[in-house]
Protein backbone atom coordinates (compact mmCIF):
# COMPACT_ATOMS: atom_id res chain seq x y z
CA UNK A 1 10.82 -15.67 2.22
CA UNK A 2 14.17 -14.38 3.43
CA UNK A 3 14.42 -11.44 5.75
CA UNK A 4 17.21 -9.13 6.88
CA UNK A 5 17.84 -5.54 7.80
CA UNK A 6 19.65 -4.93 4.60
CA UNK A 7 16.81 -6.15 2.45
CA UNK A 8 13.61 -4.16 1.61
CA UNK A 9 10.47 -5.17 -0.17
CA UNK A 10 10.33 -3.56 -3.59
CA UNK A 11 7.43 -1.17 -2.57
CA UNK A 12 9.71 0.21 0.18
CA UNK A 13 12.15 1.77 -2.23
CA UNK A 14 12.17 5.53 -2.91
CA UNK A 15 11.01 6.53 -6.32
CA UNK A 16 14.09 6.87 -8.42
CA UNK A 17 16.22 4.65 -6.17
CA UNK A 18 18.21 1.91 -7.72
CA UNK A 19 18.55 -1.59 -6.12
CA UNK A 20 19.58 -5.24 -6.77
CA UNK A 21 16.99 -7.86 -6.66
CA UNK A 22 18.03 -10.49 -4.16
CA UNK A 23 14.89 -12.66 -3.87
CA UNK A 24 11.56 -13.41 -5.68
CA UNK A 25 9.03 -15.63 -3.85
CA UNK A 26 8.49 -18.48 -6.22
CA UNK A 27 5.14 -19.11 -4.89
CA UNK A 28 3.57 -15.84 -5.97
CA UNK A 29 1.66 -15.69 -9.33
CA UNK A 30 3.68 -14.35 -12.18
CA UNK A 31 7.01 -15.37 -10.61
CA UNK A 32 8.12 -17.13 -13.83
CA UNK A 33 6.80 -14.48 -15.96
CA UNK A 34 8.74 -11.75 -14.02
CA UNK A 35 11.88 -13.65 -14.52
CA UNK A 36 11.21 -14.09 -18.25
CA UNK A 37 10.62 -10.27 -18.38
CA UNK A 38 14.11 -9.83 -16.81
CA UNK A 39 13.09 -9.21 -13.22
CA UNK A 40 15.24 -11.82 -11.63
CA UNK A 41 17.75 -12.15 -8.78
CA UNK A 42 20.97 -10.15 -9.32
CA UNK A 43 19.40 -7.76 -11.71
CA UNK A 44 19.73 -3.93 -11.09
CA UNK A 45 16.38 -2.14 -11.23
CA UNK A 46 15.13 1.47 -10.77
CA UNK A 47 11.71 2.09 -9.22
CA UNK A 48 9.92 4.47 -11.47
CA UNK A 49 6.47 4.57 -9.84
CA UNK A 50 4.48 2.69 -7.12
CA UNK A 51 0.75 3.54 -7.27
CA UNK A 52 -1.36 1.52 -4.81
CA UNK A 53 -4.14 4.03 -4.84
CA UNK A 54 -4.84 4.54 -8.50
CA UNK A 55 -4.21 1.79 -10.93
CA UNK A 56 -2.40 -0.51 -8.58
CA UNK A 57 0.64 -0.91 -10.73
CA UNK A 58 4.48 -0.78 -10.03
CA UNK A 59 6.71 0.35 -12.79
CA UNK A 60 10.33 -0.66 -12.95
CA UNK A 61 13.21 0.14 -15.16
CA UNK A 62 15.30 -2.94 -16.04
CA UNK A 63 18.23 -2.11 -18.29
CA UNK A 64 16.55 0.11 -21.04
CA UNK A 65 13.01 -1.35 -20.63
CA UNK A 66 10.14 -0.26 -18.54
CA UNK A 67 8.04 -2.97 -16.97
CA UNK A 68 4.70 -2.64 -15.28
CA UNK A 69 2.91 -5.25 -13.06
CA UNK A 70 0.43 -5.56 -10.16
CA UNK A 71 1.63 -3.56 -7.17
CA UNK A 72 0.62 -6.31 -4.73
CA UNK A 73 3.40 -8.52 -6.26
CA UNK A 74 6.00 -6.00 -4.90
CA UNK A 75 5.42 -7.30 -1.41
CA UNK A 76 7.08 -10.61 -2.41
CA UNK A 77 10.18 -9.17 -4.09
CA UNK A 78 13.21 -8.38 -1.85
CA UNK A 79 15.84 -5.89 -2.89
CA UNK A 80 19.10 -4.38 -1.70
CA UNK A 81 19.28 -0.65 -2.23
CA UNK A 82 22.36 0.35 -4.17
CA UNK A 83 22.35 4.15 -3.83
CA UNK A 84 19.51 6.32 -2.54
CA UNK A 85 19.14 9.81 -4.16
CA UNK A 86 18.21 10.86 -0.57
CA UNK A 87 21.51 9.86 0.92
CA UNK A 88 23.42 11.22 -2.14
CA UNK A 89 21.82 14.77 -1.68
CA UNK A 90 22.23 14.53 2.09
CA UNK A 91 25.89 13.85 1.57
CA UNK A 92 26.18 16.83 -0.84
CA UNK A 93 24.78 19.29 1.71
CA UNK A 94 21.34 19.37 0.30
CA UNK A 95 19.78 18.41 3.57
CA UNK A 96 18.14 20.65 6.13
CA UNK A 97 19.38 19.62 9.53
CA UNK A 98 16.49 21.34 11.44
CA UNK A 99 13.58 19.51 9.87
CA UNK A 100 15.32 16.48 8.43
CA UNK A 101 13.94 17.26 4.91
CA UNK A 102 15.92 17.90 1.74
CA UNK A 103 16.42 21.69 1.14
CA UNK A 104 15.47 23.95 -1.80
CA UNK A 105 18.91 23.54 -3.45
CA UNK A 106 18.14 19.75 -3.62
CA UNK A 107 14.73 20.65 -5.00
CA UNK A 108 16.28 22.57 -7.85
CA UNK A 109 18.01 19.30 -8.91
CA UNK A 110 15.34 16.75 -7.92
CA UNK A 111 12.23 18.37 -9.35
CA UNK A 112 13.36 18.74 -13.02
CA UNK A 113 14.69 15.19 -13.12
CA UNK A 114 11.68 13.58 -11.62
CA UNK A 115 9.37 15.64 -13.79
CA UNK A 116 11.14 14.54 -16.88
CA UNK A 117 10.74 10.89 -15.89
CA UNK A 118 6.90 11.19 -15.36
CA UNK A 119 6.37 13.08 -18.64
CA UNK A 120 8.39 10.41 -20.57
CA UNK A 121 6.41 7.54 -19.23
CA UNK A 122 3.05 9.47 -18.73
CA UNK A 123 2.27 8.85 -15.14
CA UNK A 124 0.67 11.32 -12.59
CA UNK A 125 2.60 13.64 -10.40
CA UNK A 126 1.36 16.00 -7.72
CA UNK A 127 2.99 18.78 -5.75
CA UNK A 128 1.78 19.98 -2.32
CA UNK A 129 2.93 23.33 -1.01
CA UNK A 130 2.47 23.80 2.75
CA UNK A 131 2.70 26.79 4.85
CA UNK A 132 2.43 27.18 8.67
CA UNK A 133 -0.40 29.69 9.58
CA UNK A 134 0.64 32.68 11.55
CA UNK A 135 4.14 31.44 12.12
CA UNK A 136 5.45 35.01 12.79
CA UNK A 137 3.02 35.15 15.63
CA UNK A 138 4.27 31.85 17.12
CA UNK A 139 7.82 33.30 17.07
CA UNK A 140 6.71 36.58 18.57
CA UNK A 141 4.74 34.87 21.40
CA UNK A 142 7.07 32.01 22.25
CA UNK A 143 10.38 32.98 20.88
CA UNK A 144 12.46 31.76 17.95
CA UNK A 145 13.78 28.57 19.74
CA UNK A 146 10.21 27.28 20.12
CA UNK A 147 9.63 28.33 16.53
CA UNK A 148 12.43 26.07 15.49
CA UNK A 149 10.84 23.14 17.41
CA UNK A 150 7.65 23.83 15.54
CA UNK A 151 9.51 23.55 12.17
CA UNK A 152 11.37 20.40 13.34
CA UNK A 153 8.14 18.65 14.61
CA UNK A 154 6.20 19.56 11.43
CA UNK A 155 8.99 18.37 9.21
CA UNK A 156 9.16 15.07 11.06
CA UNK A 157 5.47 14.57 10.95
CA UNK A 158 5.33 15.23 7.19
CA UNK A 159 8.01 12.68 6.54
CA UNK A 160 6.43 10.00 8.64
CA UNK A 161 2.86 10.47 7.15
CA UNK A 162 3.70 10.23 3.45
CA UNK A 163 4.84 7.30 1.40
CA UNK A 164 8.54 6.36 1.59
CA UNK A 165 8.63 7.21 -2.11
CA UNK A 166 7.37 10.76 -1.57
CA UNK A 167 9.89 13.58 -1.26
CA UNK A 168 9.52 16.23 1.41
CA UNK A 169 11.50 19.45 1.01
CA UNK A 170 11.78 22.49 3.30
CA UNK A 171 11.01 24.99 0.56
CA UNK A 172 12.06 28.02 2.68
CA UNK A 173 11.04 29.74 5.95
CA UNK A 174 7.98 28.01 7.18
CA UNK A 175 7.08 26.45 3.87
CA UNK A 176 7.38 22.80 2.87
CA UNK A 177 6.95 21.18 -0.60
CA UNK A 178 6.05 17.53 -1.17
CA UNK A 179 6.57 15.75 -4.49
CA UNK A 180 4.28 12.71 -5.08
CA UNK A 181 4.84 10.55 -8.02
CA UNK A 182 2.03 8.28 -9.17
CA UNK A 183 -0.70 10.20 -7.41
CA UNK A 184 -3.17 12.50 -9.15
CA UNK A 185 -4.53 15.70 -7.72
CA UNK A 186 -7.61 14.10 -6.11
CA UNK A 187 -5.60 11.48 -4.33
CA UNK A 188 -3.08 14.07 -3.16
CA UNK A 189 -5.73 16.36 -1.90
CA UNK A 190 -7.03 13.56 0.42
CA UNK A 191 -3.46 13.04 1.53
CA UNK A 192 -2.95 16.72 2.24
CA UNK A 193 -6.23 16.95 4.28
CA UNK A 194 -4.88 14.18 6.45
CA UNK A 195 -1.58 15.98 6.95
CA UNK A 196 -3.42 19.14 7.82
CA UNK A 197 -5.34 17.25 10.46
CA UNK A 198 -2.22 15.63 11.87
CA UNK A 199 -0.54 19.07 12.11
CA UNK A 200 -3.37 20.37 14.27
CA UNK A 201 -2.81 17.32 16.60
CA UNK A 202 0.87 17.95 17.22
CA UNK A 203 1.44 18.77 20.90
CA UNK A 204 4.68 20.64 21.43
CA UNK A 205 5.60 21.36 25.04
CA UNK A 206 5.31 23.74 26.77
CA UNK A 207 2.89 25.53 24.56
CA UNK A 208 0.75 22.61 23.11
CA UNK A 209 -1.15 22.52 19.87
CA UNK A 210 -0.11 25.58 18.16
CA UNK A 211 0.26 24.43 14.54
CA UNK A 212 -2.19 25.01 11.86
CA UNK A 213 -1.35 24.76 8.11
CA UNK A 214 -2.69 25.90 4.80
CA UNK A 215 -1.79 23.99 1.64
CA UNK A 216 -2.09 24.26 -2.18
CA UNK A 217 -2.16 21.12 -4.43
CA UNK A 218 -1.78 20.77 -8.13
CA UNK A 219 -0.45 18.14 -10.52
CA UNK A 220 -0.14 16.58 -13.92
CA UNK A 221 -1.57 15.51 -16.36
CA UNK A 222 -2.25 17.62 -18.27
CA UNK A 223 1.34 18.32 -18.60
CA UNK A 224 2.62 21.81 -18.08
CA UNK A 225 6.15 22.99 -17.47
CA UNK A 226 7.46 22.54 -13.95
CA UNK A 227 7.92 26.21 -13.33
CA UNK A 228 4.22 26.76 -14.27
CA UNK A 229 3.24 23.89 -11.98
CA UNK A 230 5.11 25.56 -9.13
CA UNK A 231 3.29 28.86 -9.89
CA UNK A 232 -0.08 27.13 -9.91
CA UNK A 233 0.47 25.36 -6.54
CA UNK A 234 1.60 28.68 -5.10
CA UNK A 235 -1.65 30.28 -6.24
CA UNK A 236 -3.62 27.47 -4.74
CA UNK A 237 -1.87 28.04 -1.43
CA UNK A 238 -2.65 31.75 -1.61
CA UNK A 239 -6.25 30.82 -2.21
CA UNK A 240 -6.24 28.63 0.94
CA UNK A 241 -4.85 31.67 2.94
CA UNK A 242 -7.32 34.05 1.54
CA UNK A 243 -10.21 31.72 2.31
CA UNK A 244 -9.31 31.88 6.06
CA UNK A 245 -6.24 29.68 6.48
CA UNK A 246 -6.22 26.14 8.00
CA UNK A 247 -7.49 24.61 4.64
CA UNK A 248 -6.39 22.98 1.53
CA UNK A 249 -7.17 24.23 -2.01
CA UNK A 250 -6.35 22.92 -5.49
CA UNK A 251 -5.40 25.15 -8.30
CA UNK A 252 -8.59 24.25 -10.31
CA UNK A 253 -10.71 24.87 -7.26
CA UNK A 254 -9.13 28.47 -7.13
CA UNK A 255 -9.76 28.95 -10.93
CA UNK A 256 -13.40 27.71 -10.72
CA UNK A 257 -14.10 30.15 -7.76
CA UNK A 258 -12.50 33.02 -9.54
CA UNK A 259 -14.78 32.35 -12.52
CA UNK A 260 -17.68 32.25 -10.31
């Protein structure tokens, strides 16, 4: 297998990123079938979804066709990214320099586009909304400069602890939103609990472990409009706050407890 800093394995692409296939390992199963399907060297593809946790499938768009095959095969396909949506939006001033995340202006463009894709091909999508608990108190006690360091460290941690294909936005103030394509609510809840634990472990000199976060999680299917999905995840976050903070709630958890 070839290697090189300009080449990535297929599974390392961002969701929605286009790339040129430069190499397919001929020793892997299905190598010939992939080529017969149009997945061959020199072809431009778009990564639609990569789902190692659920049905272990990767979905590609080749020309006007959508192709699905076992996700483990992606390890043996090398690609050269052509244009990353992340770099595009960064260049267009949709990038938050403090946290390293895309900003809310980028979200207003990315969320509808990504949502349209998942509803067309019927794959799961989840949204996580995260808020730093008692952030005003952190600013009041330690100053706004330290508060900025808290935001920066949390943004960096979130980006490092999700899949490369997930999208992290600074939603506003001390809130972050994460878009996860190909993961259902149950899997995203597990991921969010891990992020919550990682946040508690962040040690930021000179004041140490000061971060705790609350989060709301929701997703599709069943498919509802994107604005409704955002409202639901916001309500789930509110439920986490009202239950004592430093916890994760899903929208349907909130609804079931309200019914009770």
